[in-house]
């Protein structure tokens, strides 16, 4: 039986629980939402050929670009796309927990405004 939306949420929550305190304190207003596929607007905006091309996405204003005087327009969200994740998992044979962890850490990196090198360091840590 394929992992459910709730199963993917549990894997994401377990990863979030292991984020070190100094980073985690900046995630309090960040929402992680697991959905089946990217929506049509996202598909068009990213010019995706297929909804399976995107495993996760950060939507929001990264912390280094936020102003303390600006009123937030919307909540920062990380979307994890269940069906593309499962498709990748089946095709590549990677451990599902590691895959969800990798995608979530990458998207959290976008929230912080980290470079790909910064994200690699975090992912290689004991999170």
PDB file of N, CA and C in Angstrom:
ATOM      1  N   UNK A   1       0.843  -1.174   0.000  1.00  0.00           N
ATOM      2  CA  UNK A   1       0.000   0.000   0.000  1.00  0.00           C
ATOM      3  C   UNK A   1       0.894   1.245   0.000  1.00  0.00           C
ATOM      4  N   UNK A   2       0.588   2.201  -0.849  1.00  0.00           N
ATOM      5  CA  UNK A   2       1.399   3.409  -0.980  1.00  0.00           C
ATOM      6  C   UNK A   2       1.268   4.290   0.251  1.00  0.00           C
ATOM      7  N   UNK A   3       2.368   4.952   0.632  1.00  0.00           N
ATOM      8  CA  UNK A   3       2.299   5.899   1.736  1.00  0.00           C
ATOM      9  C   UNK A   3       1.268   7.000   1.451  1.00  0.00           C
ATOM     10  N   UNK A   4       0.522   7.367   2.472  1.00  0.00           N
ATOM     11  CA  UNK A   4      -0.536   8.363   2.358  1.00  0.00           C
ATOM     12  C   UNK A   4       0.032   9.771   2.545  1.00  0.00           C
ATOM     13  N   UNK A   5      -0.835  10.757   2.358  1.00  0.00           N
ATOM     14  CA  UNK A   5      -0.444  12.141   2.654  1.00  0.00           C
ATOM     15  C   UNK A   5       0.024  12.251   4.105  1.00  0.00           C
ATOM     16  N   UNK A   6      -0.711  11.609   5.013  1.00  0.00           N
ATOM     17  CA  UNK A   6      -0.349  11.649   6.434  1.00  0.00           C
ATOM     18  C   UNK A   6       1.007  10.991   6.691  1.00  0.00           C
ATOM     19  N   UNK A   7       1.313   9.917   5.975  1.00  0.00           N
ATOM     20  CA  UNK A   7       2.614   9.258   6.129  1.00  0.00           C
ATOM     21  C   UNK A   7       3.750  10.197   5.725  1.00  0.00           C
ATOM     22  N   UNK A   8       3.569  10.909   4.614  1.00  0.00           N
ATOM     23  CA  UNK A   8       4.587  11.860   4.158  1.00  0.00           C
ATOM     24  C   UNK A   8       4.700  13.008   5.163  1.00  0.00           C
ATOM     25  N   UNK A   9       3.569  13.468   5.692  1.00  0.00           N
ATOM     26  CA  UNK A   9       3.587  14.519   6.720  1.00  0.00           C
ATOM     27  C   UNK A   9       4.378  14.054   7.944  1.00  0.00           C
ATOM     28  N   UNK A  10       4.189  12.803   8.343  1.00  0.00           N
ATOM     29  CA  UNK A  10       4.925  12.263   9.497  1.00  0.00           C
ATOM     30  C   UNK A  10       6.428  12.267   9.233  1.00  0.00           C
ATOM     31  N   UNK A  11       6.841  11.881   8.022  1.00  0.00           N
ATOM     32  CA  UNK A  11       8.267  11.900   7.680  1.00  0.00           C
ATOM     33  C   UNK A  11       8.806  13.327   7.712  1.00  0.00           C
ATOM     34  N   UNK A  12       8.028  14.269   7.197  1.00  0.00           N
ATOM     35  CA  UNK A  12       8.446  15.671   7.205  1.00  0.00           C
ATOM     36  C   UNK A  12       8.545  16.191   8.641  1.00  0.00           C
ATOM     37  N   UNK A  13       7.574  15.859   9.468  1.00  0.00           N
ATOM     38  CA  UNK A  13       7.579  16.314  10.866  1.00  0.00           C
ATOM     39  C   UNK A  13       8.802  15.762  11.605  1.00  0.00           C
ATOM     40  N   UNK A  14       9.143  14.513  11.338  1.00  0.00           N
ATOM     41  CA  UNK A  14      10.316  13.912  11.982  1.00  0.00           C
ATOM     42  C   UNK A  14      11.583  14.657  11.579  1.00  0.00           C
ATOM     43  N   UNK A  15      11.678  15.065  10.320  1.00  0.00           N
ATOM     44  CA  UNK A  15      12.832  15.857   9.875  1.00  0.00           C
ATOM     45  C   UNK A  15      12.837  17.210  10.566  1.00  0.00           C
ATOM     46  N   UNK A  16      11.690  17.870  10.621  1.00  0.00           N
ATOM     47  CA  UNK A  16      11.611  19.186  11.267  1.00  0.00           C
ATOM     48  C   UNK A  16      11.998  19.100  12.743  1.00  0.00           C
ATOM     49  N   UNK A  17      11.625  18.015  13.400  1.00  0.00           N
ATOM     50  CA  UNK A  17      11.951  17.838  14.818  1.00  0.00           C
ATOM     51  C   UNK A  17      13.453  17.720  15.050  1.00  0.00           C
ATOM     52  N   UNK A  18      14.214  17.333  14.020  1.00  0.00           N
ATOM     53  CA  UNK A  18      15.663  17.171  14.157  1.00  0.00           C
ATOM     54  C   UNK A  18      16.449  18.408  13.722  1.00  0.00           C
ATOM     55  N   UNK A  19      15.759  19.437  13.239  1.00  0.00           N
ATOM     56  CA  UNK A  19      16.448  20.671  12.847  1.00  0.00           C
ATOM     57  C   UNK A  19      17.007  21.315  14.118  1.00  0.00           C
ATOM     58  N   UNK A  20      18.274  21.728  14.113  1.00  0.00           N
ATOM     59  CA  UNK A  20      18.855  22.353  15.303  1.00  0.00           C
ATOM     60  C   UNK A  20      18.057  23.591  15.747  1.00  0.00           C
ATOM     61  N   UNK A  21      17.989  23.782  17.061  1.00  0.00           N
ATOM     62  CA  UNK A  21      17.216  24.867  17.661  1.00  0.00           C
ATOM     63  C   UNK A  21      17.394  26.234  17.033  1.00  0.00           C
ATOM     64  N   UNK A  22      18.641  26.699  16.804  1.00  0.00           N
ATOM     65  CA  UNK A  22      18.813  28.036  16.224  1.00  0.00           C
ATOM     66  C   UNK A  22      18.147  28.184  14.851  1.00  0.00           C
ATOM     67  N   UNK A  23      18.132  27.132  14.061  1.00  0.00           N
ATOM     68  CA  UNK A  23      17.439  27.188  12.766  1.00  0.00           C
ATOM     69  C   UNK A  23      15.936  26.997  12.954  1.00  0.00           C
ATOM     70  N   UNK A  24      15.566  26.056  13.824  1.00  0.00           N
ATOM     71  CA  UNK A  24      14.156  25.736  14.031  1.00  0.00           C
ATOM     72  C   UNK A  24      13.364  26.937  14.527  1.00  0.00           C
ATOM     73  N   UNK A  25      13.991  27.799  15.319  1.00  0.00           N
ATOM     74  CA  UNK A  25      13.266  28.961  15.837  1.00  0.00           C
ATOM     75  C   UNK A  25      12.817  29.901  14.718  1.00  0.00           C
ATOM     76  N   UNK A  26      13.449  29.811  13.557  1.00  0.00           N
ATOM     77  CA  UNK A  26      13.056  30.627  12.410  1.00  0.00           C
ATOM     78  C   UNK A  26      12.076  29.901  11.484  1.00  0.00           C
ATOM     79  N   UNK A  27      11.579  28.774  11.934  1.00  0.00           N
ATOM     80  CA  UNK A  27      10.621  28.010  11.132  1.00  0.00           C
ATOM     81  C   UNK A  27       9.223  28.048  11.733  1.00  0.00           C
ATOM     82  N   UNK A  28       9.033  28.814  12.790  1.00  0.00           N
ATOM     83  CA  UNK A  28       7.755  28.788  13.502  1.00  0.00           C
ATOM     84  C   UNK A  28       6.587  29.266  12.646  1.00  0.00           C
ATOM     85  N   UNK A  29       6.821  30.171  11.716  1.00  0.00           N
ATOM     86  CA  UNK A  29       5.744  30.672  10.871  1.00  0.00           C
ATOM     87  C   UNK A  29       5.709  29.991   9.505  1.00  0.00           C
ATOM     88  N   UNK A  30       6.477  28.955   9.343  1.00  0.00           N
ATOM     89  CA  UNK A  30       6.555  28.228   8.075  1.00  0.00           C
ATOM     90  C   UNK A  30       5.604  27.032   8.122  1.00  0.00           C
ATOM     91  N   UNK A  31       4.785  26.898   7.092  1.00  0.00           N
ATOM     92  CA  UNK A  31       3.838  25.789   7.003  1.00  0.00           C
ATOM     93  C   UNK A  31       4.384  24.761   6.021  1.00  0.00           C
ATOM     94  N   UNK A  32       4.299  23.495   6.384  1.00  0.00           N
ATOM     95  CA  UNK A  32       4.640  22.412   5.465  1.00  0.00           C
ATOM     96  C   UNK A  32       3.327  21.726   5.117  1.00  0.00           C
ATOM     97  N   UNK A  33       3.049  21.692   3.820  1.00  0.00           N
ATOM     98  CA  UNK A  33       1.799  21.106   3.355  1.00  0.00           C
ATOM     99  C   UNK A  33       2.107  20.023   2.327  1.00  0.00           C
ATOM    100  N   UNK A  34       1.542  18.849   2.539  1.00  0.00           N
ATOM    101  CA  UNK A  34       1.711  17.744   1.605  1.00  0.00           C
ATOM    102  C   UNK A  34       0.439  17.654   0.762  1.00  0.00           C
ATOM    103  N   UNK A  35       0.616  17.725  -0.544  1.00  0.00           N
ATOM    104  CA  UNK A  35      -0.496  17.613  -1.484  1.00  0.00           C
ATOM    105  C   UNK A  35      -0.108  16.599  -2.560  1.00  0.00           C
ATOM    106  N   UNK A  36      -1.090  16.175  -3.326  1.00  0.00           N
ATOM    107  CA  UNK A  36      -0.831  15.142  -4.328  1.00  0.00           C
ATOM    108  C   UNK A  36       0.111  15.618  -5.436  1.00  0.00           C
ATOM    109  N   UNK A  37      -0.205  16.769  -6.048  1.00  0.00           N
ATOM    110  CA  UNK A  37       0.545  17.288  -7.191  1.00  0.00           C
ATOM    111  C   UNK A  37       0.622  18.808  -7.101  1.00  0.00           C
ATOM    112  N   UNK A  38       1.572  19.413  -7.827  1.00  0.00           N
ATOM    113  CA  UNK A  38       1.546  20.878  -7.957  1.00  0.00           C
ATOM    114  C   UNK A  38       0.257  21.303  -8.662  1.00  0.00           C
ATOM    115  N   UNK A  39      -0.255  22.486  -8.306  1.00  0.00           N
ATOM    116  CA  UNK A  39      -1.468  22.972  -8.955  1.00  0.00           C
ATOM    117  C   UNK A  39      -1.155  23.504 -10.361  1.00  0.00           C
ATOM    118  N   UNK A  40      -2.193  23.774 -11.117  1.00  0.00           N
ATOM    119  CA  UNK A  40      -2.026  24.221 -12.506  1.00  0.00           C
ATOM    120  C   UNK A  40      -1.243  25.522 -12.603  1.00  0.00           C
ATOM    121  N   UNK A  41      -1.480  26.436 -11.669  1.00  0.00           N
ATOM    122  CA  UNK A  41      -0.759  27.720 -11.682  1.00  0.00           C
ATOM    123  C   UNK A  41       0.745  27.504 -11.519  1.00  0.00           C
ATOM    124  N   UNK A  42       1.117  26.631 -10.608  1.00  0.00           N
ATOM    125  CA  UNK A  42       2.535  26.313 -10.398  1.00  0.00           C
ATOM    126  C   UNK A  42       3.114  25.637 -11.630  1.00  0.00           C
ATOM    127  N   UNK A  43       2.353  24.732 -12.203  1.00  0.00           N
ATOM    128  CA  UNK A  43       2.810  24.043 -13.413  1.00  0.00           C
ATOM    129  C   UNK A  43       3.120  25.059 -14.519  1.00  0.00           C
ATOM    130  N   UNK A  44       2.214  26.018 -14.714  1.00  0.00           N
ATOM    131  CA  UNK A  44       2.418  27.034 -15.755  1.00  0.00           C
ATOM    132  C   UNK A  44       3.585  27.952 -15.406  1.00  0.00           C
ATOM    133  N   UNK A  45       3.634  28.406 -14.151  1.00  0.00           N
ATOM    134  CA  UNK A  45       4.673  29.356 -13.735  1.00  0.00           C
ATOM    135  C   UNK A  45       6.071  28.768 -13.891  1.00  0.00           C
ATOM    136  N   UNK A  46       6.206  27.483 -13.635  1.00  0.00           N
ATOM    137  CA  UNK A  46       7.513  26.824 -13.727  1.00  0.00           C
ATOM    138  C   UNK A  46       7.725  26.134 -15.066  1.00  0.00           C
ATOM    139  N   UNK A  47       6.734  26.247 -15.946  1.00  0.00           N
ATOM    140  CA  UNK A  47       6.802  25.651 -17.278  1.00  0.00           C
ATOM    141  C   UNK A  47       7.153  24.162 -17.209  1.00  0.00           C
ATOM    142  N   UNK A  48       6.446  23.456 -16.335  1.00  0.00           N
ATOM    143  CA  UNK A  48       6.693  22.028 -16.153  1.00  0.00           C
ATOM    144  C   UNK A  48       5.990  21.231 -17.244  1.00  0.00           C
ATOM    145  N   UNK A  49       6.662  20.226 -17.752  1.00  0.00           N
ATOM    146  CA  UNK A  49       6.069  19.346 -18.761  1.00  0.00           C
ATOM    147  C   UNK A  49       5.085  18.364 -18.137  1.00  0.00           C
ATOM    148  N   UNK A  50       5.382  17.956 -16.925  1.00  0.00           N
ATOM    149  CA  UNK A  50       4.561  16.964 -16.231  1.00  0.00           C
ATOM    150  C   UNK A  50       4.564  17.301 -14.740  1.00  0.00           C
ATOM    151  N   UNK A  51       3.502  16.998 -14.020  1.00  0.00           N
ATOM    152  CA  UNK A  51       3.487  17.275 -12.578  1.00  0.00           C
ATOM    153  C   UNK A  51       4.504  16.440 -11.801  1.00  0.00           C
ATOM    154  N   UNK A  52       5.055  15.433 -12.430  1.00  0.00           N
ATOM    155  CA  UNK A  52       6.067  14.593 -11.773  1.00  0.00           C
ATOM    156  C   UNK A  52       7.446  15.243 -11.774  1.00  0.00           C
ATOM    157  N   UNK A  53       7.576  16.395 -12.423  1.00  0.00           N
ATOM    158  CA  UNK A  53       8.868  17.087 -12.503  1.00  0.00           C
ATOM    159  C   UNK A  53       9.221  17.868 -11.238  1.00  0.00           C
ATOM    160  N   UNK A  54       8.300  17.980 -10.296  1.00  0.00           N
ATOM    161  CA  UNK A  54       8.530  18.800  -9.106  1.00  0.00           C
ATOM    162  C   UNK A  54       8.195  17.997  -7.857  1.00  0.00           C
ATOM    163  N   UNK A  55       9.176  17.829  -6.976  1.00  0.00           N
ATOM    164  CA  UNK A  55       8.985  17.062  -5.748  1.00  0.00           C
ATOM    165  C   UNK A  55       8.551  17.939  -4.578  1.00  0.00           C
ATOM    166  N   UNK A  56       8.987  19.193  -4.589  1.00  0.00           N
ATOM    167  CA  UNK A  56       8.650  20.110  -3.518  1.00  0.00           C
ATOM    168  C   UNK A  56       8.893  21.534  -3.966  1.00  0.00           C
ATOM    169  N   UNK A  57       8.310  22.496  -3.229  1.00  0.00           N
ATOM    170  CA  UNK A  57       8.485  23.895  -3.599  1.00  0.00           C
ATOM    171  C   UNK A  57       8.283  24.784  -2.383  1.00  0.00           C
ATOM    172  N   UNK A  58       9.147  25.783  -2.274  1.00  0.00           N
ATOM    173  CA  UNK A  58       8.992  26.823  -1.255  1.00  0.00           C
ATOM    174  C   UNK A  58       8.239  27.984  -1.881  1.00  0.00           C
ATOM    175  N   UNK A  59       7.214  28.444  -1.200  1.00  0.00           N
ATOM    176  CA  UNK A  59       6.450  29.598  -1.647  1.00  0.00           C
ATOM    177  C   UNK A  59       6.457  30.622  -0.519  1.00  0.00           C
ATOM    178  N   UNK A  60       7.079  31.761  -0.771  1.00  0.00           N
ATOM    179  CA  UNK A  60       7.143  32.797   0.249  1.00  0.00           C
ATOM    180  C   UNK A  60       8.278  33.752  -0.025  1.00  0.00           C
ATOM    181  N   UNK A  61       8.588  34.538   0.969  1.00  0.00           N
ATOM    182  CA  UNK A  61       9.692  35.497   0.897  1.00  0.00           C
ATOM    183  C   UNK A  61      10.770  34.993   1.835  1.00  0.00           C
ATOM    184  N   UNK A  62      11.953  34.719   1.291  1.00  0.00           N
ATOM    185  CA  UNK A  62      13.036  34.183   2.121  1.00  0.00           C
ATOM    186  C   UNK A  62      13.403  35.178   3.226  1.00  0.00           C
ATOM    187  N   UNK A  63      13.914  34.647   4.322  1.00  0.00           N
ATOM    188  CA  UNK A  63      14.180  35.467   5.504  1.00  0.00           C
ATOM    189  C   UNK A  63      15.125  36.626   5.225  1.00  0.00           C
ATOM    190  N   UNK A  64      16.119  36.427   4.345  1.00  0.00           N
ATOM    191  CA  UNK A  64      17.071  37.510   4.097  1.00  0.00           C
ATOM    192  C   UNK A  64      16.447  38.631   3.279  1.00  0.00           C
ATOM    193  N   UNK A  65      15.276  38.398   2.687  1.00  0.00           N
ATOM    194  CA  UNK A  65      14.601  39.433   1.901  1.00  0.00           C
ATOM    195  C   UNK A  65      13.434  40.070   2.643  1.00  0.00           C
ATOM    196  N   UNK A  66      13.117  39.558   3.838  1.00  0.00           N
ATOM    197  CA  UNK A  66      11.993  40.096   4.601  1.00  0.00           C
ATOM    198  C   UNK A  66      12.406  41.383   5.303  1.00  0.00           C
ATOM    199  N   UNK A  67      11.474  42.270   5.378  1.00  0.00           N
ATOM    200  CA  UNK A  67      11.683  43.537   6.077  1.00  0.00           C
ATOM    201  C   UNK A  67      10.847  43.518   7.351  1.00  0.00           C
ATOM    202  N   UNK A  68      11.417  44.029   8.425  1.00  0.00           N
ATOM    203  CA  UNK A  68      10.672  44.070   9.680  1.00  0.00           C
ATOM    204  C   UNK A  68       9.523  45.075   9.609  1.00  0.00           C
ATOM    205  N   UNK A  69       9.600  46.004   8.661  1.00  0.00           N
ATOM    206  CA  UNK A  69       8.540  47.016   8.542  1.00  0.00           C
ATOM    207  C   UNK A  69       7.450  46.613   7.551  1.00  0.00           C
ATOM    208  N   UNK A  70       7.696  45.579   6.769  1.00  0.00           N
ATOM    209  CA  UNK A  70       6.717  45.164   5.762  1.00  0.00           C
ATOM    210  C   UNK A  70       5.664  44.253   6.387  1.00  0.00           C
ATOM    211  N   UNK A  71       4.455  44.423   5.945  1.00  0.00           N
ATOM    212  CA  UNK A  71       3.374  43.554   6.377  1.00  0.00           C
ATOM    213  C   UNK A  71       3.379  42.319   5.470  1.00  0.00           C
ATOM    214  N   UNK A  72       3.456  41.120   6.067  1.00  0.00           N
ATOM    215  CA  UNK A  72       3.475  39.918   5.229  1.00  0.00           C
ATOM    216  C   UNK A  72       2.198  39.817   4.386  1.00  0.00           C
ATOM    217  N   UNK A  73       2.381  39.470   3.117  1.00  0.00           N
ATOM    218  CA  UNK A  73       1.235  39.326   2.225  1.00  0.00           C
ATOM    219  C   UNK A  73       0.607  37.940   2.332  1.00  0.00           C
ATOM    220  N   UNK A  74       1.406  36.959   2.656  1.00  0.00           N
ATOM    221  CA  UNK A  74       0.908  35.591   2.728  1.00  0.00           C
ATOM    222  C   UNK A  74       1.843  34.789   3.624  1.00  0.00           C
ATOM    223  N   UNK A  75       1.416  33.615   3.999  1.00  0.00           N
ATOM    224  CA  UNK A  75       2.216  32.732   4.836  1.00  0.00           C
ATOM    225  C   UNK A  75       3.261  32.024   3.966  1.00  0.00           C
ATOM    226  N   UNK A  76       4.413  31.748   4.533  1.00  0.00           N
ATOM    227  CA  UNK A  76       5.443  30.975   3.838  1.00  0.00           C
ATOM    228  C   UNK A  76       5.083  29.497   3.944  1.00  0.00           C
ATOM    229  N   UNK A  77       5.118  28.832   2.795  1.00  0.00           N
ATOM    230  CA  UNK A  77       4.704  27.423   2.729  1.00  0.00           C
ATOM    231  C   UNK A  77       5.736  26.609   1.968  1.00  0.00           C
ATOM    232  N   UNK A  78       5.989  25.426   2.483  1.00  0.00           N
ATOM    233  CA  UNK A  78       6.724  24.424   1.713  1.00  0.00           C
ATOM    234  C   UNK A  78       5.711  23.370   1.306  1.00  0.00           C
ATOM    235  N   UNK A  79       5.615  23.167   0.013  1.00  0.00           N
ATOM    236  CA  UNK A  79       4.763  22.111  -0.517  1.00  0.00           C
ATOM    237  C   UNK A  79       5.621  20.885  -0.792  1.00  0.00           C
ATOM    238  N   UNK A  80       5.159  19.745  -0.341  1.00  0.00           N
ATOM    239  CA  UNK A  80       5.741  18.461  -0.717  1.00  0.00           C
ATOM    240  C   UNK A  80       4.688  17.756  -1.552  1.00  0.00           C
ATOM    241  N   UNK A  81       5.095  17.271  -2.711  1.00  0.00           N
ATOM    242  CA  UNK A  81       4.162  16.676  -3.650  1.00  0.00           C
ATOM    243  C   UNK A  81       4.241  15.154  -3.568  1.00  0.00           C
ATOM    244  N   UNK A  82       3.214  14.572  -2.976  1.00  0.00           N
ATOM    245  CA  UNK A  82       3.203  13.149  -2.653  1.00  0.00           C
ATOM    246  C   UNK A  82       3.409  12.250  -3.875  1.00  0.00           C
ATOM    247  N   UNK A  83       2.615  12.408  -4.891  1.00  0.00           N
ATOM    248  CA  UNK A  83       2.700  11.492  -6.031  1.00  0.00           C
ATOM    249  C   UNK A  83       4.048  11.590  -6.748  1.00  0.00           C
ATOM    250  N   UNK A  84       4.585  12.793  -7.010  1.00  0.00           N
ATOM    251  CA  UNK A  84       5.928  12.848  -7.598  1.00  0.00           C
ATOM    252  C   UNK A  84       6.992  12.234  -6.681  1.00  0.00           C
ATOM    253  N   UNK A  85       6.873  12.461  -5.368  1.00  0.00           N
ATOM    254  CA  UNK A  85       7.823  11.847  -4.435  1.00  0.00           C
ATOM    255  C   UNK A  85       7.757  10.325  -4.526  1.00  0.00           C
ATOM    256  N   UNK A  86       6.545   9.784  -4.550  1.00  0.00           N
ATOM    257  CA  UNK A  86       6.399   8.331  -4.616  1.00  0.00           C
ATOM    258  C   UNK A  86       6.904   7.784  -5.952  1.00  0.00           C
ATOM    259  N   UNK A  87       6.649   8.503  -7.017  1.00  0.00           N
ATOM    260  CA  UNK A  87       7.131   8.093  -8.340  1.00  0.00           C
ATOM    261  C   UNK A  87       8.667   8.037  -8.341  1.00  0.00           C
ATOM    262  N   UNK A  88       9.298   9.084  -7.819  1.00  0.00           N
ATOM    263  CA  UNK A  88      10.765   9.129  -7.750  1.00  0.00           C
ATOM    264  C   UNK A  88      11.281   7.995  -6.869  1.00  0.00           C
ATOM    265  N   UNK A  89      10.639   7.795  -5.737  1.00  0.00           N
ATOM    266  CA  UNK A  89      11.012   6.756  -4.786  1.00  0.00           C
ATOM    267  C   UNK A  89      10.987   5.378  -5.459  1.00  0.00           C
ATOM    268  N   UNK A  90       9.936   5.101  -6.196  1.00  0.00           N
ATOM    269  CA  UNK A  90       9.807   3.806  -6.872  1.00  0.00           C
ATOM    270  C   UNK A  90      10.836   3.669  -7.992  1.00  0.00           C
ATOM    271  N   UNK A  91      11.008   4.738  -8.767  1.00  0.00           N
ATOM    272  CA  UNK A  91      11.936   4.698  -9.908  1.00  0.00           C
ATOM    273  C   UNK A  91      13.389   4.573  -9.471  1.00  0.00           C
ATOM    274  N   UNK A  92      13.758   5.272  -8.400  1.00  0.00           N
ATOM    275  CA  UNK A  92      15.173   5.339  -8.002  1.00  0.00           C
ATOM    276  C   UNK A  92      15.535   4.387  -6.871  1.00  0.00           C
ATOM    277  N   UNK A  93      14.555   3.919  -6.139  1.00  0.00           N
ATOM    278  CA  UNK A  93      14.834   3.004  -5.048  1.00  0.00           C
ATOM    279  C   UNK A  93      15.446   3.658  -3.819  1.00  0.00           C
ATOM    280  N   UNK A  94      15.463   4.976  -3.777  1.00  0.00           N
ATOM    281  CA  UNK A  94      15.992   5.685  -2.617  1.00  0.00           C
ATOM    282  C   UNK A  94      15.048   5.498  -1.436  1.00  0.00           C
ATOM    283  N   UNK A  95      15.589   5.464  -0.242  1.00  0.00           N
ATOM    284  CA  UNK A  95      14.784   5.378   0.963  1.00  0.00           C
ATOM    285  C   UNK A  95      13.833   6.570   1.017  1.00  0.00           C
ATOM    286  N   UNK A  96      12.546   6.325   1.240  1.00  0.00           N
ATOM    287  CA  UNK A  96      11.549   7.402   1.221  1.00  0.00           C
ATOM    288  C   UNK A  96      11.822   8.448   2.291  1.00  0.00           C
ATOM    289  N   UNK A  97      12.222   8.024   3.472  1.00  0.00           N
ATOM    290  CA  UNK A  97      12.534   8.984   4.528  1.00  0.00           C
ATOM    291  C   UNK A  97      13.669   9.914   4.089  1.00  0.00           C
ATOM    292  N   UNK A  98      14.714   9.353   3.497  1.00  0.00           N
ATOM    293  CA  UNK A  98      15.837  10.175   3.022  1.00  0.00           C
ATOM    294  C   UNK A  98      15.413  11.114   1.906  1.00  0.00           C
ATOM    295  N   UNK A  99      14.532  10.649   1.046  1.00  0.00           N
ATOM    296  CA  UNK A  99      14.051  11.490  -0.050  1.00  0.00           C
ATOM    297  C   UNK A  99      13.242  12.667   0.476  1.00  0.00           C
ATOM    298  N   UNK A 100      12.309  12.403   1.362  1.00  0.00           N
ATOM    299  CA  UNK A 100      11.503  13.483   1.944  1.00  0.00           C
ATOM    300  C   UNK A 100      12.410  14.444   2.703  1.00  0.00           C
ATOM    301  N   UNK A 101      13.356  13.916   3.444  1.00  0.00           N
ATOM    302  CA  UNK A 101      14.314  14.739   4.189  1.00  0.00           C
ATOM    303  C   UNK A 101      15.092  15.641   3.241  1.00  0.00           C
ATOM    304  N   UNK A 102      15.604  15.080   2.153  1.00  0.00           N
ATOM    305  CA  UNK A 102      16.380  15.847   1.182  1.00  0.00           C
ATOM    306  C   UNK A 102      15.556  16.990   0.591  1.00  0.00           C
ATOM    307  N   UNK A 103      14.345  16.685   0.142  1.00  0.00           N
ATOM    308  CA  UNK A 103      13.500  17.712  -0.475  1.00  0.00           C
ATOM    309  C   UNK A 103      13.119  18.779   0.548  1.00  0.00           C
ATOM    310  N   UNK A 104      12.751  18.366   1.754  1.00  0.00           N
ATOM    311  CA  UNK A 104      12.355  19.326   2.781  1.00  0.00           C
ATOM    312  C   UNK A 104      13.514  20.235   3.162  1.00  0.00           C
ATOM    313  N   UNK A 105      14.697  19.686   3.363  1.00  0.00           N
ATOM    314  CA  UNK A 105      15.855  20.510   3.716  1.00  0.00           C
ATOM    315  C   UNK A 105      16.179  21.481   2.594  1.00  0.00           C
ATOM    316  N   UNK A 106      16.074  21.036   1.362  1.00  0.00           N
ATOM    317  CA  UNK A 106      16.324  21.923   0.226  1.00  0.00           C
ATOM    318  C   UNK A 106      15.334  23.092   0.231  1.00  0.00           C
ATOM    319  N   UNK A 107      14.074  22.806   0.469  1.00  0.00           N
ATOM    320  CA  UNK A 107      13.060  23.866   0.472  1.00  0.00           C
ATOM    321  C   UNK A 107      13.209  24.776   1.692  1.00  0.00           C
ATOM    322  N   UNK A 108      13.591  24.224   2.834  1.00  0.00           N
ATOM    323  CA  UNK A 108      13.880  25.057   4.005  1.00  0.00           C
ATOM    324  C   UNK A 108      15.040  25.989   3.689  1.00  0.00           C
ATOM    325  N   UNK A 109      16.007  25.494   2.955  1.00  0.00           N
ATOM    326  CA  UNK A 109      17.125  26.330   2.533  1.00  0.00           C
ATOM    327  C   UNK A 109      16.661  27.539   1.751  1.00  0.00           C
ATOM    328  N   UNK A 110      15.671  27.362   0.887  1.00  0.00           N
ATOM    329  CA  UNK A 110      15.124  28.508   0.154  1.00  0.00           C
ATOM    330  C   UNK A 110      14.481  29.504   1.116  1.00  0.00           C
ATOM    331  N   UNK A 111      13.825  29.005   2.161  1.00  0.00           N
ATOM    332  CA  UNK A 111      13.215  29.875   3.176  1.00  0.00           C
ATOM    333  C   UNK A 111      14.276  30.759   3.845  1.00  0.00           C
ATOM    334  N   UNK A 112      15.436  30.182   4.096  1.00  0.00           N
ATOM    335  CA  UNK A 112      16.516  30.932   4.732  1.00  0.00           C
ATOM    336  C   UNK A 112      17.329  31.749   3.730  1.00  0.00           C
ATOM    337  N   UNK A 113      17.154  31.482   2.442  1.00  0.00           N
ATOM    338  CA  UNK A 113      17.951  32.164   1.431  1.00  0.00           C
ATOM    339  C   UNK A 113      19.336  31.561   1.287  1.00  0.00           C
ATOM    340  N   UNK A 114      19.488  30.287   1.652  1.00  0.00           N
ATOM    341  CA  UNK A 114      20.779  29.618   1.597  1.00  0.00           C
ATOM    342  C   UNK A 114      21.154  29.269   0.154  1.00  0.00           C
ATOM    343  N   UNK A 115      22.440  29.175  -0.069  1.00  0.00           N
ATOM    344  CA  UNK A 115      22.952  28.696  -1.349  1.00  0.00           C
ATOM    345  C   UNK A 115      22.848  27.172  -1.386  1.00  0.00           C
ATOM    346  N   UNK A 116      23.044  26.593  -2.557  1.00  0.00           N
ATOM    347  CA  UNK A 116      23.041  25.136  -2.675  1.00  0.00           C
ATOM    348  C   UNK A 116      24.151  24.521  -1.824  1.00  0.00           C
ATOM    349  N   UNK A 117      25.302  25.196  -1.729  1.00  0.00           N
ATOM    350  CA  UNK A 117      26.404  24.693  -0.902  1.00  0.00           C
ATOM    351  C   UNK A 117      26.005  24.688   0.576  1.00  0.00           C
ATOM    352  N   UNK A 118      25.332  25.748   1.028  1.00  0.00           N
ATOM    353  CA  UNK A 118      24.845  25.804   2.414  1.00  0.00           C
ATOM    354  C   UNK A 118      23.883  24.651   2.685  1.00  0.00           C
ATOM    355  N   UNK A 119      22.987  24.408   1.732  1.00  0.00           N
ATOM    356  CA  UNK A 119      22.002  23.337   1.901  1.00  0.00           C
ATOM    357  C   UNK A 119      22.681  21.976   1.972  1.00  0.00           C
ATOM    358  N   UNK A 120      23.728  21.778   1.193  1.00  0.00           N
ATOM    359  CA  UNK A 120      24.454  20.509   1.209  1.00  0.00           C
ATOM    360  C   UNK A 120      25.092  20.271   2.580  1.00  0.00           C
ATOM    361  N   UNK A 121      25.646  21.316   3.187  1.00  0.00           N
ATOM    362  CA  UNK A 121      26.250  21.193   4.517  1.00  0.00           C
ATOM    363  C   UNK A 121      25.187  20.779   5.537  1.00  0.00           C
ATOM    364  N   UNK A 122      24.031  21.419   5.466  1.00  0.00           N
ATOM    365  CA  UNK A 122      22.961  21.102   6.406  1.00  0.00           C
ATOM    366  C   UNK A 122      22.486  19.667   6.190  1.00  0.00           C
ATOM    367  N   UNK A 123      22.300  19.295   4.952  1.00  0.00           N
ATOM    368  CA  UNK A 123      21.802  17.958   4.665  1.00  0.00           C
ATOM    369  C   UNK A 123      22.787  16.885   5.106  1.00  0.00           C
ATOM    370  N   UNK A 124      24.067  17.183   5.044  1.00  0.00           N
ATOM    371  CA  UNK A 124      25.086  16.211   5.449  1.00  0.00           C
ATOM    372  C   UNK A 124      25.308  16.189   6.950  1.00  0.00           C
ATOM    373  N   UNK A 125      24.622  17.069   7.688  1.00  0.00           N
ATOM    374  CA  UNK A 125      24.735  17.066   9.140  1.00  0.00           C
ATOM    375  C   UNK A 125      23.812  15.985   9.704  1.00  0.00           C
ATOM    376  N   UNK A 126      23.692  15.943  10.971  1.00  0.00           N
ATOM    377  CA  UNK A 126      22.905  14.901  11.632  1.00  0.00           C
ATOM    378  C   UNK A 126      21.436  15.258  11.759  1.00  0.00           C
ATOM    379  N   UNK A 127      20.914  16.079  10.894  1.00  0.00           N
ATOM    380  CA  UNK A 127      19.489  16.438  10.944  1.00  0.00           C
ATOM    381  C   UNK A 127      18.689  15.220  10.569  1.00  0.00           C
TER     382      UNK A 127
END
